[in-house]
């Protein structure tokens, strides 16, 4: 009887320890990750506007004189009236055009933000004196999954690296495996390893909008399976006690 109980306990321990339902994006030994060259990892680039982007466009007159206002002489009246200008978002359609107030359809897809500012300044020159335009994107983001939990982080600046995204997500958590991280970009999967300085320089790279960063949790069989083991032992103890009581009553 003790031998049979021991075998049952070992069976439950083995099955519970081998089952990890919190690991995502697993792969077999034949998996070939995508690789970036050292030049590509360090290459900074300006974001290019794409269809389905949401843009914020601000237009100022007199070459942006109101923005450069050290003594607040130009804006004090606005502050006193507590009026706030609208801050709408404009969608880049699939054909690459954006419909903007006064100027109508303007094709911005394929342009950097700086190039878009110049194009829009020329368009608004018909209505304003020396227009100054500031264009920003509002819907660029990256997803972080795994040890830190699910987070969607906005990319407010261009050329943000994996390390910076991890910092925004709260840093490497205690249950996060710095050696087993993945950056998923469309159909490409890059392995990221921050366990050593050498691997950090080799695998850190600039993220792109829509990237998914997955931090694999550390495998702690004892901690992960403690509730299951406790339940199994409780059931077996109760069953053993019941059988002993039955045998002693005979």
C-alpha atoms as a PDB file:
ATOM      1  CA  UNK A   1       0.000   0.000   0.000  1.00  0.00           C
ATOM      2  CA  UNK A   2       2.729   2.611   0.823  1.00  0.00           C
ATOM      3  CA  UNK A   3       4.470   1.788  -2.438  1.00  0.00           C
ATOM      4  CA  UNK A   4       1.261   2.380  -4.380  1.00  0.00           C
ATOM      5  CA  UNK A   5       0.682   5.714  -2.620  1.00  0.00           C
ATOM      6  CA  UNK A   6       4.237   6.812  -3.347  1.00  0.00           C
ATOM      7  CA  UNK A   7       3.791   5.953  -7.029  1.00  0.00           C
ATOM      8  CA  UNK A   8       0.582   7.979  -7.186  1.00  0.00           C
ATOM      9  CA  UNK A   9       2.260  10.983  -5.541  1.00  0.00           C
ATOM     10  CA  UNK A  10       5.197  10.823  -7.949  1.00  0.00           C
ATOM     11  CA  UNK A  11       2.785  10.600 -10.899  1.00  0.00           C
ATOM     12  CA  UNK A  12       0.909  13.744  -9.877  1.00  0.00           C
ATOM     13  CA  UNK A  13       4.150  15.618  -9.154  1.00  0.00           C
ATOM     14  CA  UNK A  14       5.587  14.700 -12.511  1.00  0.00           C
ATOM     15  CA  UNK A  15       2.525  15.668 -14.498  1.00  0.00           C
ATOM     16  CA  UNK A  16       2.011  18.939 -12.620  1.00  0.00           C
ATOM     17  CA  UNK A  17       5.670  20.032 -12.925  1.00  0.00           C
ATOM     18  CA  UNK A  18       5.789  19.340 -16.661  1.00  0.00           C
ATOM     19  CA  UNK A  19       2.676  21.356 -17.388  1.00  0.00           C
ATOM     20  CA  UNK A  20       3.287  25.117 -17.711  1.00  0.00           C
ATOM     21  CA  UNK A  21       0.271  26.935 -19.049  1.00  0.00           C
ATOM     22  CA  UNK A  22       1.742  30.439 -18.571  1.00  0.00           C
ATOM     23  CA  UNK A  23       4.402  30.150 -21.289  1.00  0.00           C
ATOM     24  CA  UNK A  24       3.542  31.715 -24.650  1.00  0.00           C
ATOM     25  CA  UNK A  25       5.189  31.686 -28.091  1.00  0.00           C
ATOM     26  CA  UNK A  26       7.070  28.444 -27.459  1.00  0.00           C
ATOM     27  CA  UNK A  27       9.049  26.851 -30.282  1.00  0.00           C
ATOM     28  CA  UNK A  28      10.899  23.627 -31.074  1.00  0.00           C
ATOM     29  CA  UNK A  29      14.630  23.108 -31.457  1.00  0.00           C
ATOM     30  CA  UNK A  30      14.466  23.653 -35.220  1.00  0.00           C
ATOM     31  CA  UNK A  31      13.196  27.225 -34.828  1.00  0.00           C
ATOM     32  CA  UNK A  32      15.289  29.817 -36.687  1.00  0.00           C
ATOM     33  CA  UNK A  33      14.878  33.333 -35.255  1.00  0.00           C
ATOM     34  CA  UNK A  34      15.227  36.452 -37.352  1.00  0.00           C
ATOM     35  CA  UNK A  35      18.576  38.219 -37.007  1.00  0.00           C
ATOM     36  CA  UNK A  36      19.409  41.910 -37.367  1.00  0.00           C
ATOM     37  CA  UNK A  37      22.845  43.105 -38.350  1.00  0.00           C
ATOM     38  CA  UNK A  38      24.766  45.352 -35.956  1.00  0.00           C
ATOM     39  CA  UNK A  39      24.202  48.278 -38.319  1.00  0.00           C
ATOM     40  CA  UNK A  40      20.452  47.678 -38.435  1.00  0.00           C
ATOM     41  CA  UNK A  41      20.220  47.485 -34.631  1.00  0.00           C
ATOM     42  CA  UNK A  42      21.902  50.857 -34.232  1.00  0.00           C
ATOM     43  CA  UNK A  43      20.238  52.544 -37.194  1.00  0.00           C
ATOM     44  CA  UNK A  44      17.946  55.357 -36.178  1.00  0.00           C
ATOM     45  CA  UNK A  45      15.259  56.432 -38.594  1.00  0.00           C
ATOM     46  CA  UNK A  46      12.382  58.855 -38.785  1.00  0.00           C
ATOM     47  CA  UNK A  47       8.918  57.368 -38.653  1.00  0.00           C
ATOM     48  CA  UNK A  48       7.063  57.282 -41.977  1.00  0.00           C
ATOM     49  CA  UNK A  49       3.332  57.979 -41.937  1.00  0.00           C
ATOM     50  CA  UNK A  50       1.240  54.967 -42.942  1.00  0.00           C
ATOM     51  CA  UNK A  51      -2.441  54.266 -43.698  1.00  0.00           C
ATOM     52  CA  UNK A  52      -4.637  53.928 -40.580  1.00  0.00           C
ATOM     53  CA  UNK A  53      -2.381  56.243 -38.591  1.00  0.00           C
ATOM     54  CA  UNK A  54      -4.054  58.834 -36.407  1.00  0.00           C
ATOM     55  CA  UNK A  55      -2.422  62.256 -36.605  1.00  0.00           C
ATOM     56  CA  UNK A  56      -2.623  65.372 -34.498  1.00  0.00           C
ATOM     57  CA  UNK A  57      -2.050  68.548 -36.499  1.00  0.00           C
ATOM     58  CA  UNK A  58      -1.469  71.970 -34.946  1.00  0.00           C
ATOM     59  CA  UNK A  59      -1.223  75.084 -37.120  1.00  0.00           C
ATOM     60  CA  UNK A  60       0.248  78.364 -35.892  1.00  0.00           C
ATOM     61  CA  UNK A  61       0.678  81.682 -37.675  1.00  0.00           C
ATOM     62  CA  UNK A  62       3.714  83.985 -38.032  1.00  0.00           C
ATOM     63  CA  UNK A  63       6.160  81.078 -38.113  1.00  0.00           C
ATOM     64  CA  UNK A  64       5.023  79.833 -34.706  1.00  0.00           C
ATOM     65  CA  UNK A  65       5.549  83.139 -32.883  1.00  0.00           C
ATOM     66  CA  UNK A  66       2.977  82.144 -30.252  1.00  0.00           C
ATOM     67  CA  UNK A  67       5.039  79.101 -29.296  1.00  0.00           C
ATOM     68  CA  UNK A  68       8.196  81.173 -28.681  1.00  0.00           C
ATOM     69  CA  UNK A  69       6.696  83.517 -26.103  1.00  0.00           C
ATOM     70  CA  UNK A  70       9.122  83.868 -23.129  1.00  0.00           C
ATOM     71  CA  UNK A  71       7.172  86.687 -21.434  1.00  0.00           C
ATOM     72  CA  UNK A  72       3.732  85.139 -22.142  1.00  0.00           C
ATOM     73  CA  UNK A  73       2.612  88.383 -23.742  1.00  0.00           C
ATOM     74  CA  UNK A  74       0.877  86.656 -26.634  1.00  0.00           C
ATOM     75  CA  UNK A  75      -0.902  84.013 -24.593  1.00  0.00           C
ATOM     76  CA  UNK A  76      -1.944  85.872 -21.442  1.00  0.00           C
ATOM     77  CA  UNK A  77      -5.332  86.782 -22.921  1.00  0.00           C
ATOM     78  CA  UNK A  78      -5.963  83.154 -23.814  1.00  0.00           C
ATOM     79  CA  UNK A  79      -5.078  82.054 -20.284  1.00  0.00           C
ATOM     80  CA  UNK A  80      -7.470  84.593 -18.793  1.00  0.00           C
ATOM     81  CA  UNK A  81     -10.407  83.381 -20.864  1.00  0.00           C
ATOM     82  CA  UNK A  82      -9.697  79.697 -20.104  1.00  0.00           C
ATOM     83  CA  UNK A  83     -10.351  78.779 -23.717  1.00  0.00           C
ATOM     84  CA  UNK A  84      -8.707  75.643 -25.025  1.00  0.00           C
ATOM     85  CA  UNK A  85      -8.335  74.928 -28.708  1.00  0.00           C
ATOM     86  CA  UNK A  86      -9.656  71.539 -29.886  1.00  0.00           C
ATOM     87  CA  UNK A  87      -7.189  68.690 -30.174  1.00  0.00           C
ATOM     88  CA  UNK A  88      -8.754  66.374 -32.774  1.00  0.00           C
ATOM     89  CA  UNK A  89      -7.195  63.346 -34.462  1.00  0.00           C
ATOM     90  CA  UNK A  90      -7.155  62.849 -38.215  1.00  0.00           C
ATOM     91  CA  UNK A  91      -7.195  59.411 -39.837  1.00  0.00           C
ATOM     92  CA  UNK A  92      -4.856  58.498 -42.677  1.00  0.00           C
ATOM     93  CA  UNK A  93      -7.091  56.622 -45.083  1.00  0.00           C
ATOM     94  CA  UNK A  94      -6.068  53.503 -46.998  1.00  0.00           C
ATOM     95  CA  UNK A  95      -5.380  55.647 -50.078  1.00  0.00           C
ATOM     96  CA  UNK A  96      -2.820  57.627 -48.054  1.00  0.00           C
ATOM     97  CA  UNK A  97      -4.856  60.832 -47.868  1.00  0.00           C
ATOM     98  CA  UNK A  98      -5.949  62.785 -44.803  1.00  0.00           C
ATOM     99  CA  UNK A  99      -8.898  65.149 -44.797  1.00  0.00           C
ATOM    100  CA  UNK A 100      -7.980  68.316 -42.889  1.00  0.00           C
ATOM    101  CA  UNK A 101     -10.013  71.447 -42.154  1.00  0.00           C
ATOM    102  CA  UNK A 102      -9.793  74.173 -44.787  1.00  0.00           C
ATOM    103  CA  UNK A 103      -7.281  72.413 -47.056  1.00  0.00           C
ATOM    104  CA  UNK A 104      -9.257  69.216 -47.666  1.00  0.00           C
ATOM    105  CA  UNK A 105      -7.550  65.998 -48.787  1.00  0.00           C
ATOM    106  CA  UNK A 106      -3.761  65.917 -48.462  1.00  0.00           C
ATOM    107  CA  UNK A 107      -1.621  62.859 -49.183  1.00  0.00           C
ATOM    108  CA  UNK A 108       0.705  62.285 -46.222  1.00  0.00           C
ATOM    109  CA  UNK A 109       1.355  58.530 -46.310  1.00  0.00           C
ATOM    110  CA  UNK A 110       4.999  57.815 -47.094  1.00  0.00           C
ATOM    111  CA  UNK A 111       6.221  61.100 -45.587  1.00  0.00           C
ATOM    112  CA  UNK A 112       8.145  61.633 -42.381  1.00  0.00           C
ATOM    113  CA  UNK A 113       6.595  63.949 -39.802  1.00  0.00           C
ATOM    114  CA  UNK A 114       8.990  66.733 -40.807  1.00  0.00           C
ATOM    115  CA  UNK A 115       8.091  66.334 -44.476  1.00  0.00           C
ATOM    116  CA  UNK A 116       4.385  66.372 -43.571  1.00  0.00           C
ATOM    117  CA  UNK A 117       4.892  69.628 -41.641  1.00  0.00           C
ATOM    118  CA  UNK A 118       6.412  71.280 -44.714  1.00  0.00           C
ATOM    119  CA  UNK A 119       3.629  70.038 -47.024  1.00  0.00           C
ATOM    120  CA  UNK A 120       0.889  71.238 -44.656  1.00  0.00           C
ATOM    121  CA  UNK A 121       2.587  74.586 -44.068  1.00  0.00           C
ATOM    122  CA  UNK A 122       2.516  75.149 -47.820  1.00  0.00           C
ATOM    123  CA  UNK A 123      -1.181  74.199 -47.942  1.00  0.00           C
ATOM    124  CA  UNK A 124      -2.148  76.500 -45.070  1.00  0.00           C
ATOM    125  CA  UNK A 125      -0.092  79.346 -46.506  1.00  0.00           C
ATOM    126  CA  UNK A 126      -3.142  80.156 -48.605  1.00  0.00           C
ATOM    127  CA  UNK A 127      -5.128  81.036 -45.483  1.00  0.00           C
ATOM    128  CA  UNK A 128      -2.611  82.172 -42.855  1.00  0.00           C
ATOM    129  CA  UNK A 129       0.465  84.376 -42.651  1.00  0.00           C
ATOM    130  CA  UNK A 130       3.648  82.282 -42.477  1.00  0.00           C
ATOM    131  CA  UNK A 131       2.028  79.128 -41.065  1.00  0.00           C
ATOM    132  CA  UNK A 132       4.019  76.824 -38.800  1.00  0.00           C
ATOM    133  CA  UNK A 133       2.745  73.221 -38.509  1.00  0.00           C
ATOM    134  CA  UNK A 134       3.470  70.558 -35.891  1.00  0.00           C
ATOM    135  CA  UNK A 135       2.318  67.023 -36.773  1.00  0.00           C
ATOM    136  CA  UNK A 136       2.443  64.114 -34.345  1.00  0.00           C
ATOM    137  CA  UNK A 137       1.083  60.574 -34.388  1.00  0.00           C
ATOM    138  CA  UNK A 138      -1.210  59.440 -31.587  1.00  0.00           C
ATOM    139  CA  UNK A 139      -1.849  55.715 -32.089  1.00  0.00           C
ATOM    140  CA  UNK A 140       1.662  54.211 -32.241  1.00  0.00           C
ATOM    141  CA  UNK A 141       2.155  51.607 -29.535  1.00  0.00           C
ATOM    142  CA  UNK A 142       3.973  48.429 -28.530  1.00  0.00           C
ATOM    143  CA  UNK A 143       2.594  45.467 -26.550  1.00  0.00           C
ATOM    144  CA  UNK A 144       4.448  43.866 -23.626  1.00  0.00           C
ATOM    145  CA  UNK A 145       3.366  40.376 -22.528  1.00  0.00           C
ATOM    146  CA  UNK A 146       4.645  37.786 -20.101  1.00  0.00           C
ATOM    147  CA  UNK A 147       6.225  38.370 -16.699  1.00  0.00           C
ATOM    148  CA  UNK A 148       5.199  42.065 -16.305  1.00  0.00           C
ATOM    149  CA  UNK A 149       1.608  41.241 -17.258  1.00  0.00           C
ATOM    150  CA  UNK A 150      -0.154  42.585 -20.331  1.00  0.00           C
ATOM    151  CA  UNK A 151       0.640  46.218 -21.093  1.00  0.00           C
ATOM    152  CA  UNK A 152       0.096  48.419 -24.134  1.00  0.00           C
ATOM    153  CA  UNK A 153       2.609  51.263 -24.152  1.00  0.00           C
ATOM    154  CA  UNK A 154       2.340  54.337 -26.410  1.00  0.00           C
ATOM    155  CA  UNK A 155       5.364  55.240 -28.511  1.00  0.00           C
ATOM    156  CA  UNK A 156       5.455  58.991 -28.040  1.00  0.00           C
ATOM    157  CA  UNK A 157       8.957  59.329 -29.462  1.00  0.00           C
ATOM    158  CA  UNK A 158      10.807  57.862 -32.393  1.00  0.00           C
ATOM    159  CA  UNK A 159      13.721  55.424 -32.057  1.00  0.00           C
ATOM    160  CA  UNK A 160      12.748  53.810 -28.738  1.00  0.00           C
ATOM    161  CA  UNK A 161      14.733  50.652 -27.929  1.00  0.00           C
ATOM    162  CA  UNK A 162      13.680  47.355 -26.330  1.00  0.00           C
ATOM    163  CA  UNK A 163      15.474  48.379 -23.126  1.00  0.00           C
ATOM    164  CA  UNK A 164      13.467  51.610 -22.945  1.00  0.00           C
ATOM    165  CA  UNK A 165      10.200  49.725 -23.467  1.00  0.00           C
ATOM    166  CA  UNK A 166      11.091  47.362 -20.627  1.00  0.00           C
ATOM    167  CA  UNK A 167      11.801  50.375 -18.413  1.00  0.00           C
ATOM    168  CA  UNK A 168       8.394  51.854 -19.255  1.00  0.00           C
ATOM    169  CA  UNK A 169       6.808  48.489 -18.391  1.00  0.00           C
ATOM    170  CA  UNK A 170       8.319  48.624 -14.900  1.00  0.00           C
ATOM    171  CA  UNK A 171      11.670  46.967 -15.531  1.00  0.00           C
ATOM    172  CA  UNK A 172      12.587  43.315 -15.343  1.00  0.00           C
ATOM    173  CA  UNK A 173      10.250  41.663 -12.842  1.00  0.00           C
ATOM    174  CA  UNK A 174      11.460  39.066 -10.325  1.00  0.00           C
ATOM    175  CA  UNK A 175       9.706  36.315 -12.251  1.00  0.00           C
ATOM    176  CA  UNK A 176      10.994  37.500 -15.621  1.00  0.00           C
ATOM    177  CA  UNK A 177      13.701  35.614 -17.504  1.00  0.00           C
ATOM    178  CA  UNK A 178      16.150  38.164 -18.945  1.00  0.00           C
ATOM    179  CA  UNK A 179      17.674  35.430 -21.074  1.00  0.00           C
ATOM    180  CA  UNK A 180      14.446  34.391 -22.766  1.00  0.00           C
ATOM    181  CA  UNK A 181      12.659  37.298 -24.390  1.00  0.00           C
ATOM    182  CA  UNK A 182      11.164  37.604 -27.854  1.00  0.00           C
ATOM    183  CA  UNK A 183      10.392  40.555 -30.096  1.00  0.00           C
ATOM    184  CA  UNK A 184       7.617  39.650 -32.535  1.00  0.00           C
ATOM    185  CA  UNK A 185       7.258  41.838 -35.609  1.00  0.00           C
ATOM    186  CA  UNK A 186       4.709  40.550 -38.069  1.00  0.00           C
ATOM    187  CA  UNK A 187       6.036  37.181 -39.260  1.00  0.00           C
ATOM    188  CA  UNK A 188       9.513  37.797 -37.824  1.00  0.00           C
ATOM    189  CA  UNK A 189      10.587  36.700 -34.339  1.00  0.00           C
ATOM    190  CA  UNK A 190      13.790  38.072 -32.803  1.00  0.00           C
ATOM    191  CA  UNK A 191      15.324  36.505 -29.694  1.00  0.00           C
ATOM    192  CA  UNK A 192      16.338  39.092 -27.077  1.00  0.00           C
ATOM    193  CA  UNK A 193      18.807  38.280 -24.304  1.00  0.00           C
ATOM    194  CA  UNK A 194      19.727  40.813 -21.622  1.00  0.00           C
ATOM    195  CA  UNK A 195      21.403  38.308 -19.281  1.00  0.00           C
ATOM    196  CA  UNK A 196      24.901  39.611 -20.121  1.00  0.00           C
ATOM    197  CA  UNK A 197      26.339  42.886 -21.384  1.00  0.00           C
ATOM    198  CA  UNK A 198      27.544  41.214 -24.579  1.00  0.00           C
ATOM    199  CA  UNK A 199      24.126  39.765 -25.346  1.00  0.00           C
ATOM    200  CA  UNK A 200      22.461  43.096 -24.547  1.00  0.00           C
ATOM    201  CA  UNK A 201      24.536  44.896 -27.164  1.00  0.00           C
ATOM    202  CA  UNK A 202      23.929  42.053 -29.611  1.00  0.00           C
ATOM    203  CA  UNK A 203      20.134  41.827 -29.276  1.00  0.00           C
ATOM    204  CA  UNK A 204      18.909  45.274 -28.177  1.00  0.00           C
ATOM    205  CA  UNK A 205      17.248  47.119 -31.036  1.00  0.00           C
ATOM    206  CA  UNK A 206      14.870  49.924 -31.915  1.00  0.00           C
ATOM    207  CA  UNK A 207      11.222  48.862 -31.724  1.00  0.00           C
ATOM    208  CA  UNK A 208       8.597  49.620 -34.321  1.00  0.00           C
ATOM    209  CA  UNK A 209       4.916  50.385 -33.960  1.00  0.00           C
ATOM    210  CA  UNK A 210       2.926  47.187 -33.521  1.00  0.00           C
ATOM    211  CA  UNK A 211       5.807  45.145 -32.084  1.00  0.00           C
ATOM    212  CA  UNK A 212       5.118  42.578 -29.342  1.00  0.00           C
ATOM    213  CA  UNK A 213       7.737  42.048 -26.633  1.00  0.00           C
ATOM    214  CA  UNK A 214       7.316  38.825 -24.677  1.00  0.00           C
ATOM    215  CA  UNK A 215       9.228  38.172 -21.435  1.00  0.00           C
ATOM    216  CA  UNK A 216       9.103  34.499 -20.536  1.00  0.00           C
ATOM    217  CA  UNK A 217       8.425  33.793 -16.838  1.00  0.00           C
ATOM    218  CA  UNK A 218      11.098  31.924 -14.894  1.00  0.00           C
ATOM    219  CA  UNK A 219      10.261  28.260 -14.373  1.00  0.00           C
ATOM    220  CA  UNK A 220       9.830  27.688 -10.639  1.00  0.00           C
ATOM    221  CA  UNK A 221       8.251  24.197 -10.387  1.00  0.00           C
ATOM    222  CA  UNK A 222       7.954  24.173  -6.602  1.00  0.00           C
ATOM    223  CA  UNK A 223       6.256  27.545  -6.330  1.00  0.00           C
ATOM    224  CA  UNK A 224       4.091  27.080  -9.432  1.00  0.00           C
ATOM    225  CA  UNK A 225       2.858  23.623  -8.460  1.00  0.00           C
ATOM    226  CA  UNK A 226       2.587  24.113  -4.696  1.00  0.00           C
ATOM    227  CA  UNK A 227      -1.253  24.424  -4.748  1.00  0.00           C
ATOM    228  CA  UNK A 228      -1.599  21.311  -6.910  1.00  0.00           C
ATOM    229  CA  UNK A 229       0.825  19.291  -4.767  1.00  0.00           C
ATOM    230  CA  UNK A 230      -0.924  20.403  -1.577  1.00  0.00           C
ATOM    231  CA  UNK A 231      -4.302  19.375  -2.998  1.00  0.00           C
ATOM    232  CA  UNK A 232      -3.012  15.957  -4.103  1.00  0.00           C
ATOM    233  CA  UNK A 233      -1.364  15.303  -0.737  1.00  0.00           C
ATOM    234  CA  UNK A 234      -4.526  16.371   1.086  1.00  0.00           C
ATOM    235  CA  UNK A 235      -6.647  13.959  -0.971  1.00  0.00           C
ATOM    236  CA  UNK A 236      -4.195  11.114  -0.507  1.00  0.00           C
ATOM    237  CA  UNK A 237      -3.936  11.765   3.238  1.00  0.00           C
ATOM    238  CA  UNK A 238      -7.693  11.777   3.582  1.00  0.00           C
ATOM    239  CA  UNK A 239      -7.996   8.575   1.546  1.00  0.00           C
ATOM    240  CA  UNK A 240      -5.275   6.862   3.602  1.00  0.00           C
ATOM    241  CA  UNK A 241      -6.911   7.915   6.876  1.00  0.00           C
ATOM    242  CA  UNK A 242     -10.279   6.616   5.682  1.00  0.00           C
ATOM    243  CA  UNK A 243      -8.799   3.267   4.642  1.00  0.00           C
ATOM    244  CA  UNK A 244      -7.013   2.880   7.989  1.00  0.00           C
ATOM    245  CA  UNK A 245     -10.246   3.571   9.829  1.00  0.00           C
ATOM    246  CA  UNK A 246     -12.051   0.959   7.726  1.00  0.00           C
ATOM    247  CA  UNK A 247      -9.313  -1.612   8.292  1.00  0.00           C
ATOM    248  CA  UNK A 248      -9.196  -0.938  12.045  1.00  0.00           C
ATOM    249  CA  UNK A 249     -12.988  -1.354  12.306  1.00  0.00           C
ATOM    250  CA  UNK A 250     -12.833  -4.902  10.934  1.00  0.00           C
END
